């Protein structure tokens, strides 16, 4: 069961995906970020074989054809 802190962080990023850019800039200062905003994406991270892995939140940066970064919570 996720902790209250984990749930709070998921909701924070879900409501304000733009925080992902700030986190990336602070923790990966050399990263070349796209100017497009981050957006919530499908959180299914399952591999071809079990076990199923599912993120609570996935935020993508870039356009539909060219993804540069992702933040997985």
N, C-alpha and C. Protein backbone atom coordinates (compact mmCIF):
# COMPACT_ATOMS: atom_id res chain seq x y z
N UNK A 1 0.84 -1.17 0.00
CA UNK A 1 0.00 0.00 0.00
C UNK A 1 0.89 1.24 0.00
N UNK A 2 0.66 2.17 -0.93
CA UNK A 2 1.48 3.38 -1.00
C UNK A 2 1.33 4.25 0.25
N UNK A 3 2.41 4.89 0.61
CA UNK A 3 2.39 5.77 1.77
C UNK A 3 1.63 7.06 1.45
N UNK A 4 1.19 7.77 2.47
CA UNK A 4 0.53 9.06 2.23
C UNK A 4 1.45 10.04 1.48
N UNK A 5 2.74 10.02 1.77
CA UNK A 5 3.67 10.90 1.05
C UNK A 5 3.70 10.56 -0.43
N UNK A 6 3.76 9.26 -0.75
CA UNK A 6 3.76 8.83 -2.15
C UNK A 6 2.48 9.30 -2.85
N UNK A 7 1.35 9.08 -2.23
CA UNK A 7 0.07 9.49 -2.82
C UNK A 7 0.02 11.00 -3.03
N UNK A 8 0.57 11.75 -2.08
CA UNK A 8 0.60 13.21 -2.20
C UNK A 8 1.45 13.64 -3.39
N UNK A 9 2.62 13.02 -3.56
CA UNK A 9 3.48 13.36 -4.70
C UNK A 9 2.81 13.02 -6.02
N UNK A 10 2.15 11.87 -6.09
CA UNK A 10 1.44 11.49 -7.32
C UNK A 10 0.38 12.54 -7.66
N UNK A 11 -0.41 12.92 -6.68
CA UNK A 11 -1.47 13.91 -6.93
C UNK A 11 -0.89 15.27 -7.29
N UNK A 12 0.21 15.65 -6.65
CA UNK A 12 0.86 16.93 -6.95
C UNK A 12 1.30 16.98 -8.41
N UNK A 13 1.99 15.93 -8.88
CA UNK A 13 2.44 15.91 -10.27
C UNK A 13 1.27 15.74 -11.24
N UNK A 14 0.24 14.99 -10.84
CA UNK A 14 -0.93 14.81 -11.71
C UNK A 14 -1.62 16.16 -11.95
N UNK A 15 -1.73 16.95 -10.90
CA UNK A 15 -2.41 18.24 -11.00
C UNK A 15 -1.53 19.32 -11.63
N UNK A 16 -0.21 19.20 -11.48
CA UNK A 16 0.71 20.20 -12.01
C UNK A 16 1.87 19.51 -12.73
N UNK A 17 1.63 18.94 -13.91
CA UNK A 17 2.70 18.24 -14.63
C UNK A 17 3.91 19.13 -14.92
N UNK A 18 3.72 20.44 -14.93
CA UNK A 18 4.84 21.35 -15.18
C UNK A 18 5.93 21.24 -14.11
N UNK A 19 5.60 20.70 -12.95
CA UNK A 19 6.62 20.50 -11.91
C UNK A 19 7.67 19.49 -12.35
N UNK A 20 7.34 18.62 -13.31
CA UNK A 20 8.30 17.65 -13.81
C UNK A 20 9.49 18.35 -14.46
N UNK A 21 9.24 19.43 -15.19
CA UNK A 21 10.33 20.19 -15.81
C UNK A 21 11.25 20.77 -14.74
N UNK A 22 10.67 21.34 -13.69
CA UNK A 22 11.47 21.91 -12.61
C UNK A 22 12.30 20.83 -11.93
N UNK A 23 11.71 19.67 -11.68
CA UNK A 23 12.45 18.56 -11.06
C UNK A 23 13.59 18.11 -11.96
N UNK A 24 13.33 18.00 -13.27
CA UNK A 24 14.38 17.58 -14.21
C UNK A 24 15.50 18.60 -14.26
N UNK A 25 15.17 19.88 -14.26
CA UNK A 25 16.19 20.92 -14.32
C UNK A 25 17.06 20.91 -13.06
N UNK A 26 16.45 20.64 -11.92
CA UNK A 26 17.21 20.63 -10.66
C UNK A 26 18.07 19.38 -10.50
N UNK A 27 17.58 18.23 -10.98
CA UNK A 27 18.28 16.96 -10.74
C UNK A 27 19.05 16.45 -11.95
N UNK A 28 18.86 17.03 -13.10
CA UNK A 28 19.61 16.68 -14.31
C UNK A 28 19.91 17.97 -15.06
N UNK A 29 20.78 18.82 -14.49
CA UNK A 29 21.00 20.15 -15.06
C UNK A 29 21.51 20.16 -16.49
N UNK A 30 22.14 19.10 -16.94
CA UNK A 30 22.65 19.06 -18.31
C UNK A 30 21.65 18.53 -19.33
N UNK A 31 20.47 18.12 -18.88
CA UNK A 31 19.47 17.54 -19.77
C UNK A 31 18.94 18.60 -20.74
N UNK A 32 18.77 18.20 -21.98
CA UNK A 32 18.19 19.09 -22.99
C UNK A 32 16.69 18.82 -23.03
N UNK A 33 15.92 19.69 -22.40
CA UNK A 33 14.48 19.51 -22.31
C UNK A 33 13.78 20.16 -23.50
N UNK A 34 12.77 19.49 -24.01
CA UNK A 34 11.94 20.06 -25.06
C UNK A 34 11.16 21.23 -24.49
N UNK A 35 10.78 22.16 -25.33
CA UNK A 35 9.99 23.30 -24.87
C UNK A 35 8.52 22.93 -24.68
N UNK A 36 8.11 21.77 -25.17
CA UNK A 36 6.73 21.34 -25.01
C UNK A 36 6.47 20.96 -23.56
N UNK A 37 5.25 21.10 -23.10
CA UNK A 37 4.96 20.79 -21.70
C UNK A 37 4.92 19.30 -21.44
N UNK A 38 5.11 18.93 -20.18
CA UNK A 38 4.90 17.54 -19.77
C UNK A 38 3.41 17.28 -19.73
N UNK A 39 3.02 16.04 -19.94
CA UNK A 39 1.61 15.66 -19.89
C UNK A 39 1.49 14.28 -19.25
N UNK A 40 0.36 14.02 -18.65
CA UNK A 40 0.11 12.71 -18.03
C UNK A 40 -0.04 11.68 -19.15
N UNK A 41 0.57 10.51 -18.96
CA UNK A 41 0.54 9.45 -19.97
C UNK A 41 0.07 8.14 -19.34
N UNK A 42 -0.08 7.12 -20.17
CA UNK A 42 -0.48 5.80 -19.69
C UNK A 42 0.54 5.30 -18.67
N UNK A 43 0.07 4.78 -17.57
CA UNK A 43 0.97 4.35 -16.50
C UNK A 43 1.22 2.85 -16.49
N UNK A 44 0.85 2.14 -17.54
CA UNK A 44 1.08 0.70 -17.64
C UNK A 44 2.51 0.45 -18.11
N UNK A 45 3.34 -0.09 -17.22
CA UNK A 45 4.74 -0.36 -17.54
C UNK A 45 5.02 -1.86 -17.62
N UNK A 46 4.01 -2.63 -17.98
CA UNK A 46 4.14 -4.09 -18.03
C UNK A 46 5.11 -4.51 -19.13
N UNK A 47 5.87 -5.55 -18.84
CA UNK A 47 6.74 -6.16 -19.84
C UNK A 47 5.93 -7.22 -20.58
N UNK A 48 6.52 -7.83 -21.58
CA UNK A 48 5.83 -8.87 -22.34
C UNK A 48 5.46 -10.05 -21.44
N UNK A 49 6.26 -10.30 -20.43
CA UNK A 49 6.03 -11.40 -19.50
C UNK A 49 5.66 -10.85 -18.13
N UNK A 50 4.84 -11.57 -17.36
CA UNK A 50 4.54 -11.12 -15.99
C UNK A 50 5.83 -11.03 -15.19
N UNK A 51 5.91 -10.31 -14.12
CA UNK A 51 4.81 -9.68 -13.43
C UNK A 51 4.44 -8.34 -14.04
N UNK A 52 3.22 -7.95 -13.81
CA UNK A 52 2.75 -6.66 -14.31
C UNK A 52 3.29 -5.55 -13.43
N UNK A 53 3.82 -4.53 -14.06
CA UNK A 53 4.30 -3.35 -13.35
C UNK A 53 3.48 -2.16 -13.80
N UNK A 54 3.03 -1.37 -12.88
CA UNK A 54 2.21 -0.22 -13.23
C UNK A 54 2.65 0.97 -12.40
N UNK A 55 2.96 2.06 -13.07
CA UNK A 55 3.32 3.29 -12.38
C UNK A 55 2.05 3.97 -11.89
N UNK A 56 2.19 4.78 -10.87
CA UNK A 56 1.05 5.56 -10.42
C UNK A 56 0.82 6.76 -11.32
N UNK A 57 1.91 7.26 -11.94
CA UNK A 57 1.79 8.42 -12.82
C UNK A 57 2.99 8.44 -13.75
N UNK A 58 2.76 8.75 -15.03
CA UNK A 58 3.81 8.93 -16.02
C UNK A 58 3.60 10.28 -16.69
N UNK A 59 4.65 11.12 -16.72
CA UNK A 59 4.61 12.41 -17.38
C UNK A 59 5.63 12.40 -18.50
N UNK A 60 5.21 12.77 -19.71
CA UNK A 60 6.10 12.78 -20.88
C UNK A 60 6.40 14.20 -21.30
N UNK A 61 7.60 14.41 -21.84
CA UNK A 61 8.01 15.69 -22.38
C UNK A 61 8.37 15.49 -23.84
N UNK A 62 7.87 16.35 -24.70
CA UNK A 62 8.08 16.24 -26.14
C UNK A 62 6.75 16.11 -26.84
N UNK A 63 6.79 16.05 -28.17
CA UNK A 63 5.54 15.90 -28.90
C UNK A 63 5.24 14.42 -29.12
N UNK A 64 4.13 14.13 -29.77
CA UNK A 64 3.69 12.73 -29.96
C UNK A 64 4.73 11.89 -30.72
N UNK A 65 5.44 12.49 -31.65
CA UNK A 65 6.38 11.74 -32.49
C UNK A 65 7.79 11.67 -31.90
N UNK A 66 8.11 12.56 -30.99
CA UNK A 66 9.48 12.65 -30.50
C UNK A 66 9.48 12.90 -28.99
N UNK A 67 9.55 11.84 -28.21
CA UNK A 67 9.58 11.96 -26.74
C UNK A 67 11.03 12.11 -26.28
N UNK A 68 11.28 13.10 -25.43
CA UNK A 68 12.63 13.33 -24.93
C UNK A 68 12.83 12.81 -23.52
N UNK A 69 11.87 13.05 -22.63
CA UNK A 69 12.03 12.68 -21.23
C UNK A 69 10.71 12.16 -20.67
N UNK A 70 10.83 11.37 -19.64
CA UNK A 70 9.66 10.91 -18.91
C UNK A 70 9.98 10.92 -17.42
N UNK A 71 8.97 11.24 -16.64
CA UNK A 71 9.06 11.17 -15.20
C UNK A 71 8.05 10.14 -14.75
N UNK A 72 8.52 9.10 -14.06
CA UNK A 72 7.66 8.01 -13.62
C UNK A 72 7.57 8.07 -12.11
N UNK A 73 6.34 8.12 -11.59
CA UNK A 73 6.12 8.17 -10.15
C UNK A 73 5.44 6.88 -9.74
